[in-house]
Amino acid sequence: MNRYTRRNFIQSATAAAVYSSSLLRCNRLMASPFGLPIGLQLYSVREMMAKDYEGTLKQISALGYQEVETAGYFDHSAEQVKSAMSAAGLKCVSAHYPYTSLNKDFDKIVAFNKEIGVQYIICAFPGIKDPSRLKDTSYRTQITSFTLEDYRWNADQFNKFGEKLKAAGMKFGYHNHTMEFAKQDGVVPFDEMVRLTDPDLVTFEMDCGWVIVGGANPVDYLHRYPSRISMLHVKDFKHVEKPASTLEPPPAAELGRGTLDYRPVFEAAKRANIKHYFVEQEEFDLPPMESLKIDADYMKNLTV
């Protein structure tokens, strides 16, 4: 099958190449995340949902997924989305938007998602403070152009978004990629964003896979910021002979069939403040529902 990546949605898939040895897959039975519902980031089934929104949601539910996080609504109204989610027995917890969309249509986004019952609006990709300084808006240019000033500016924007969402009874969050873990002037951008955002206004959704590819360890971050990280993205990668590059992350694998052992991650998460987690399968070698069943079964058997 064709391989699809998240780049088409937010032009943001990034990678460094360092794997954390403590997360390498072991042969023992993997473990479930302390009773939390199994969630799915719907970007995983974006092509299927574009063709059959309601039917795809029902298939997801049949695999054992209970919560979802959206990455677009495919021209459905809020009422249609609510109806489809209800018919499938799914709870729509969270919604992803890039900064550019949030900056342009924030009030509309909030109103739409509030009507659906979404609890979290997540910035899926940060903005550039001064886009005019970019030579173009290509994926390559964007992910290699962020400066510390940009990250600090984003933190300020997030506080403003968070304040508005708090007033609406919702929560604002930020989803990392890999670029936030490359030091600039001795500063790790992700840490700087945590430092500069108000804990009452901004939470973090940690993408464990991108943290690892970025050269850091999600276990360390769960220990360091147990109250700031409230959601996780869970993904796996195939083994690659040569190191992945910033623009070429390792190919996706089904959970338990790649290189990562999530037991230590969820052991740390159990002692932190994790409210939700979402499986994300960004590309497939198998039929999508077959892959997502493997992922769901992995999570069902993952106990800590």
Protein backbone atom coordinates (compact mmCIF):
# COMPACT_ATOMS: atom_id res chain seq x y z
CA MET A 1 0.00 0.00 0.00
CA ASN A 2 1.04 3.61 -0.40
CA ARG A 3 2.70 5.17 2.62
CA TYR A 4 1.11 8.34 3.93
CA THR A 5 2.60 10.78 6.41
CA ARG A 6 1.32 13.57 8.65
CA ARG A 7 3.24 16.09 6.55
CA ASN A 8 0.23 16.61 4.27
CA PHE A 9 -1.91 17.84 7.19
CA ILE A 10 0.40 20.19 9.05
CA GLN A 11 3.69 19.99 7.12
CA SER A 12 5.35 19.02 10.32
CA ALA A 13 6.67 15.50 10.48
CA THR A 14 10.23 15.89 11.73
CA ALA A 15 12.98 13.64 12.93
CA ALA A 16 16.43 13.47 14.40
CA ALA A 17 17.81 10.00 14.72
CA VAL A 18 18.54 9.14 18.30
CA TYR A 19 16.66 6.27 19.86
CA SER A 20 16.40 5.94 23.62
CA SER A 21 17.87 2.60 24.60
CA SER A 22 15.55 2.31 27.59
CA LEU A 23 12.58 2.21 25.20
CA LEU A 24 13.81 -0.47 22.82
CA ARG A 25 11.31 -3.23 22.42
CA CYS A 26 11.81 -6.26 24.65
CA ASN A 27 10.42 -9.76 24.14
CA ARG A 28 8.19 -9.79 27.22
CA LEU A 29 4.46 -9.08 27.04
CA MET A 30 3.84 -5.37 26.70
CA ALA A 31 1.66 -3.58 29.12
CA SER A 32 -2.25 -1.44 29.34
CA PRO A 33 -2.45 2.05 30.51
CA PHE A 34 -4.04 1.79 33.92
CA GLY A 35 -7.66 1.72 32.84
CA LEU A 36 -7.75 4.71 30.50
CA PRO A 37 -10.03 4.38 27.46
CA ILE A 38 -8.24 3.52 24.23
CA GLY A 39 -8.08 6.62 22.04
CA LEU A 40 -7.30 7.13 18.36
CA GLN A 41 -6.06 10.24 16.56
CA LEU A 42 -8.36 10.32 13.53
CA TYR A 43 -5.58 11.55 11.27
CA SER A 44 -4.82 7.84 11.12
CA VAL A 45 -7.96 7.25 9.01
CA ARG A 46 -8.18 10.57 7.20
CA GLU A 47 -8.60 9.07 3.73
CA MET A 48 -11.27 6.63 4.85
CA MET A 49 -13.18 9.35 6.69
CA ALA A 50 -13.17 11.58 3.63
CA LYS A 51 -15.08 8.83 1.81
CA ASP A 52 -17.26 7.41 4.60
CA TYR A 53 -17.21 9.49 7.78
CA GLU A 54 -19.93 7.68 9.73
CA GLY A 55 -18.93 4.18 8.62
CA THR A 56 -15.28 4.69 9.46
CA LEU A 57 -16.13 5.83 12.99
CA LYS A 58 -18.22 2.69 13.50
CA GLN A 59 -15.35 0.50 12.32
CA ILE A 60 -13.01 2.25 14.76
CA SER A 61 -15.40 1.66 17.62
CA ALA A 62 -15.74 -2.02 16.71
CA LEU A 63 -11.97 -2.42 17.16
CA GLY A 64 -12.22 -1.26 20.77
CA TYR A 65 -11.39 2.44 20.50
CA GLN A 66 -13.52 4.53 22.83
CA GLU A 67 -12.19 8.07 22.44
CA VAL A 68 -11.02 10.03 19.43
CA GLU A 69 -9.08 13.16 18.62
CA THR A 70 -9.96 14.91 15.39
CA ALA A 71 -7.79 16.30 12.60
CA GLY A 72 -10.51 17.88 10.48
CA TYR A 73 -14.26 17.35 10.16
CA PHE A 74 -14.55 16.82 6.38
CA ASP A 75 -17.22 19.48 5.85
CA HIS A 76 -19.56 17.99 8.45
CA SER A 77 -21.62 20.29 10.64
CA ALA A 78 -21.29 20.13 14.42
CA GLU A 79 -24.66 18.39 14.60
CA GLN A 80 -23.58 15.80 12.02
CA VAL A 81 -20.36 15.16 13.90
CA LYS A 82 -22.21 14.71 17.19
CA SER A 83 -24.66 12.33 15.56
CA ALA A 84 -21.91 10.27 13.93
CA MET A 85 -19.90 10.04 17.14
CA SER A 86 -22.98 9.03 19.12
CA ALA A 87 -23.98 6.39 16.58
CA ALA A 88 -20.48 4.92 16.77
CA GLY A 89 -20.35 5.06 20.57
CA LEU A 90 -17.26 7.27 20.52
CA LYS A 91 -16.35 10.28 22.65
CA CYS A 92 -14.72 13.16 20.81
CA VAL A 93 -12.27 14.46 23.40
CA SER A 94 -9.84 16.65 21.52
CA ALA A 95 -9.28 18.47 18.23
CA HIS A 96 -6.07 19.35 16.36
CA TYR A 97 -5.42 22.58 14.48
CA PRO A 98 -2.19 24.19 13.23
CA TYR A 99 -1.36 27.64 14.58
CA THR A 100 -2.22 29.27 11.26
CA SER A 101 -5.82 28.03 11.53
CA LEU A 102 -6.11 28.99 15.18
CA ASN A 103 -4.83 32.47 14.48
CA LYS A 104 -7.25 32.96 11.61
CA ASP A 105 -10.45 31.35 12.91
CA PHE A 106 -10.04 30.90 16.66
CA ASP A 107 -13.52 32.00 17.70
CA LYS A 108 -15.21 29.85 15.05
CA ILE A 109 -13.07 26.86 16.00
CA VAL A 110 -13.96 27.23 19.67
CA ALA A 111 -17.68 27.60 19.00
CA PHE A 112 -17.76 24.61 16.64
CA ASN A 113 -15.90 22.29 18.99
CA LYS A 114 -17.78 23.46 22.07
CA GLU A 115 -21.03 22.48 20.35
CA ILE A 116 -19.62 19.01 19.72
CA GLY A 117 -18.50 18.65 23.33
CA VAL A 118 -14.73 18.68 22.69
CA GLN A 119 -12.70 19.33 25.84
CA TYR A 120 -9.27 20.18 24.38
CA ILE A 121 -8.15 22.32 21.45
CA ILE A 122 -4.59 21.32 20.57
CA CYS A 123 -2.13 23.33 18.52
CA ALA A 124 -0.77 20.67 16.19
CA PHE A 125 2.04 22.77 14.71
CA PRO A 126 3.48 26.12 15.88
CA GLY A 127 3.63 29.37 14.00
CA ILE A 128 6.53 31.49 12.78
CA LYS A 129 6.53 34.95 14.36
CA ASP A 130 7.50 36.65 11.12
CA PRO A 131 6.57 34.40 8.16
CA SER A 132 7.94 37.00 5.74
CA ARG A 133 11.47 35.95 6.66
CA LEU A 134 10.92 32.48 5.13
CA LYS A 135 12.09 32.01 1.57
CA ASP A 136 9.06 29.77 0.98
CA THR A 137 6.42 27.87 2.97
CA SER A 138 7.63 24.37 2.13
CA TYR A 139 7.78 21.65 4.73
CA ARG A 140 11.56 21.63 4.66
CA THR A 141 11.84 25.38 5.13
CA GLN A 142 9.33 25.56 7.96
CA ILE A 143 10.73 22.84 10.20
CA THR A 144 14.28 24.12 9.86
CA SER A 145 13.43 27.79 10.47
CA PHE A 146 12.12 27.92 14.04
CA THR A 147 14.21 30.04 16.39
CA LEU A 148 14.05 30.40 20.16
CA GLU A 149 12.30 33.71 19.60
CA ASP A 150 9.64 31.86 17.61
CA TYR A 151 9.10 29.33 20.37
CA ARG A 152 8.90 32.05 23.01
CA TRP A 153 6.43 33.97 20.87
CA ASN A 154 4.34 30.79 20.47
CA ALA A 155 4.27 30.36 24.23
CA ASP A 156 2.84 33.86 24.56
CA GLN A 157 0.20 33.09 21.92
CA PHE A 158 -0.69 29.87 23.70
CA ASN A 159 -1.30 31.70 26.96
CA LYS A 160 -3.72 34.01 25.15
CA PHE A 161 -5.51 31.10 23.49
CA GLY A 162 -5.60 29.27 26.80
CA GLU A 163 -7.18 32.19 28.59
CA LYS A 164 -9.99 32.38 26.03
CA LEU A 165 -10.56 28.64 26.11
CA LYS A 166 -10.66 28.58 29.89
CA ALA A 167 -13.42 31.17 29.76
CA ALA A 168 -15.27 28.86 27.35
CA GLY A 169 -14.90 25.91 29.72
CA MET A 170 -12.29 24.15 27.57
CA LYS A 171 -8.54 23.56 27.69
CA PHE A 172 -5.76 24.58 25.30
CA GLY A 173 -2.77 22.36 24.61
CA TYR A 174 0.31 21.96 22.45
CA HIS A 175 1.45 18.84 20.57
CA ASN A 176 5.20 18.46 20.08
CA HIS A 177 7.15 17.16 17.13
CA THR A 178 10.91 16.57 17.06
CA MET A 179 12.33 20.00 16.37
CA GLU A 180 11.46 21.22 19.87
CA PHE A 181 14.16 18.98 21.37
CA ALA A 182 17.14 20.32 19.43
CA LYS A 183 19.02 22.74 21.68
CA GLN A 184 19.39 26.35 20.59
CA ASP A 185 21.94 28.40 22.52
CA GLY A 186 21.93 25.70 25.17
CA VAL A 187 18.14 25.86 25.56
CA VAL A 188 15.72 23.04 24.71
CA PRO A 189 12.73 24.74 23.03
CA PHE A 190 10.19 22.33 24.52
CA ASP A 191 11.42 23.12 28.04
CA GLU A 192 11.30 26.81 27.26
CA MET A 193 7.70 26.54 26.11
CA VAL A 194 6.75 24.71 29.28
CA ARG A 195 8.52 27.38 31.35
CA LEU A 196 6.80 30.28 29.63
CA THR A 197 3.26 28.93 29.51
CA ASP A 198 0.80 29.28 32.39
CA PRO A 199 -0.05 25.86 33.89
CA ASP A 200 -3.62 27.03 34.44
CA LEU A 201 -4.02 27.90 30.77
CA VAL A 202 -1.84 25.54 28.72
CA THR A 203 -1.34 21.79 28.88
CA PHE A 204 0.89 19.57 26.72
CA GLU A 205 0.12 16.56 24.58
CA MET A 206 3.37 14.64 24.36
CA ASP A 207 3.94 12.65 21.20
CA CYS A 208 6.13 9.91 22.61
CA GLY A 209 7.36 8.73 19.23
CA TRP A 210 8.52 12.17 18.12
CA VAL A 211 10.18 12.79 21.49
CA ILE A 212 12.27 9.66 21.00
CA VAL A 213 13.11 10.42 17.37
CA GLY A 214 14.03 13.92 18.50
CA GLY A 215 16.70 12.45 20.76
CA ALA A 216 14.91 12.75 24.12
CA ASN A 217 13.09 10.32 26.38
CA PRO A 218 9.35 10.60 27.17
CA VAL A 219 9.92 8.88 30.51
CA ASP A 220 12.26 11.68 31.56
CA TYR A 221 9.71 14.29 30.52
CA LEU A 222 6.89 12.59 32.40
CA HIS A 223 9.11 12.65 35.50
CA ARG A 224 10.14 16.26 34.89
CA TYR A 225 6.67 17.66 34.14
CA PRO A 226 4.15 15.31 35.79
CA SER A 227 1.50 18.01 36.08
CA ARG A 228 2.02 19.73 32.70
CA ILE A 229 1.58 16.77 30.37
CA SER A 230 -2.00 15.53 30.32
CA MET A 231 -2.23 13.61 27.03
CA LEU A 232 -0.03 11.27 25.01
CA HIS A 233 0.32 10.23 21.40
CA VAL A 234 1.43 6.63 21.03
CA LYS A 235 3.16 5.41 17.87
CA ASP A 236 5.90 2.97 16.88
CA PHE A 237 8.64 2.90 14.23
CA LYS A 238 10.31 0.24 12.16
CA HIS A 239 13.98 -0.52 12.66
CA VAL A 240 16.17 1.33 10.17
CA GLU A 241 19.78 0.53 9.38
CA LYS A 242 20.88 4.12 8.92
CA PRO A 243 19.98 7.02 11.22
CA ALA A 244 16.84 8.90 10.32
CA SER A 245 17.24 12.53 9.33
CA THR A 246 15.26 15.61 10.28
CA LEU A 247 13.30 15.36 7.05
CA GLU A 248 13.05 11.59 6.92
CA PRO A 249 11.73 10.03 10.14
CA PRO A 250 11.75 6.24 10.40
CA PRO A 251 8.74 4.51 8.81
CA ALA A 252 5.75 3.72 10.99
CA ALA A 253 5.10 0.30 12.50
CA GLU A 254 2.15 -1.13 14.36
CA LEU A 255 2.47 -0.94 18.14
CA GLY A 256 4.52 -3.85 19.43
CA ARG A 257 5.95 -4.60 16.01
CA GLY A 258 8.51 -1.82 15.91
CA THR A 259 11.37 -0.63 18.09
CA LEU A 260 9.64 0.96 21.09
CA ASP A 261 8.61 -0.57 24.40
CA TYR A 262 5.84 1.51 25.95
CA ARG A 263 5.88 -0.21 29.33
CA PRO A 264 8.29 2.30 30.95
CA VAL A 265 6.39 5.19 29.36
CA PHE A 266 3.08 4.14 30.88
CA GLU A 267 4.70 3.23 34.16
CA ALA A 268 5.85 6.86 34.33
CA ALA A 269 2.50 8.10 33.04
CA LYS A 270 0.70 6.25 35.81
CA ARG A 271 2.50 8.46 38.33
CA ALA A 272 1.89 11.63 36.33
CA ASN A 273 -1.28 13.43 35.25
CA ILE A 274 -2.28 11.66 32.03
CA LYS A 275 -5.97 12.02 31.28
CA HIS A 276 -6.13 10.67 27.71
CA TYR A 277 -3.91 8.97 25.17
CA PHE A 278 -4.33 8.48 21.44
CA VAL A 279 -2.85 5.85 19.17
CA GLU A 280 -1.61 7.41 15.95
CA GLN A 281 -0.77 5.28 12.92
CA GLU A 282 0.44 7.76 10.32
CA GLU A 283 1.15 5.30 7.53
CA PHE A 284 0.24 1.71 6.70
CA ASP A 285 1.72 -1.35 5.01
CA LEU A 286 -1.38 -3.38 5.91
CA PRO A 287 -5.03 -2.43 5.35
CA PRO A 288 -5.65 0.42 7.82
CA MET A 289 -8.24 -1.35 9.97
CA GLU A 290 -5.99 -4.39 10.23
CA SER A 291 -3.15 -2.21 11.49
CA LEU A 292 -5.42 -0.33 13.89
CA LYS A 293 -6.68 -3.62 15.32
CA ILE A 294 -3.09 -4.63 16.05
CA ASP A 295 -2.60 -1.27 17.77
CA ALA A 296 -5.81 -1.61 19.79
CA ASP A 297 -4.96 -5.16 20.86
CA TYR A 298 -1.53 -4.00 21.96
CA MET A 299 -3.06 -1.35 24.18
CA LYS A 300 -5.66 -3.76 25.57
CA ASN A 301 -2.84 -6.02 26.73
CA LEU A 302 -0.65 -3.21 28.08
CA THR A 303 -1.05 -3.25 31.86
CA VAL A 304 1.16 -1.42 34.35
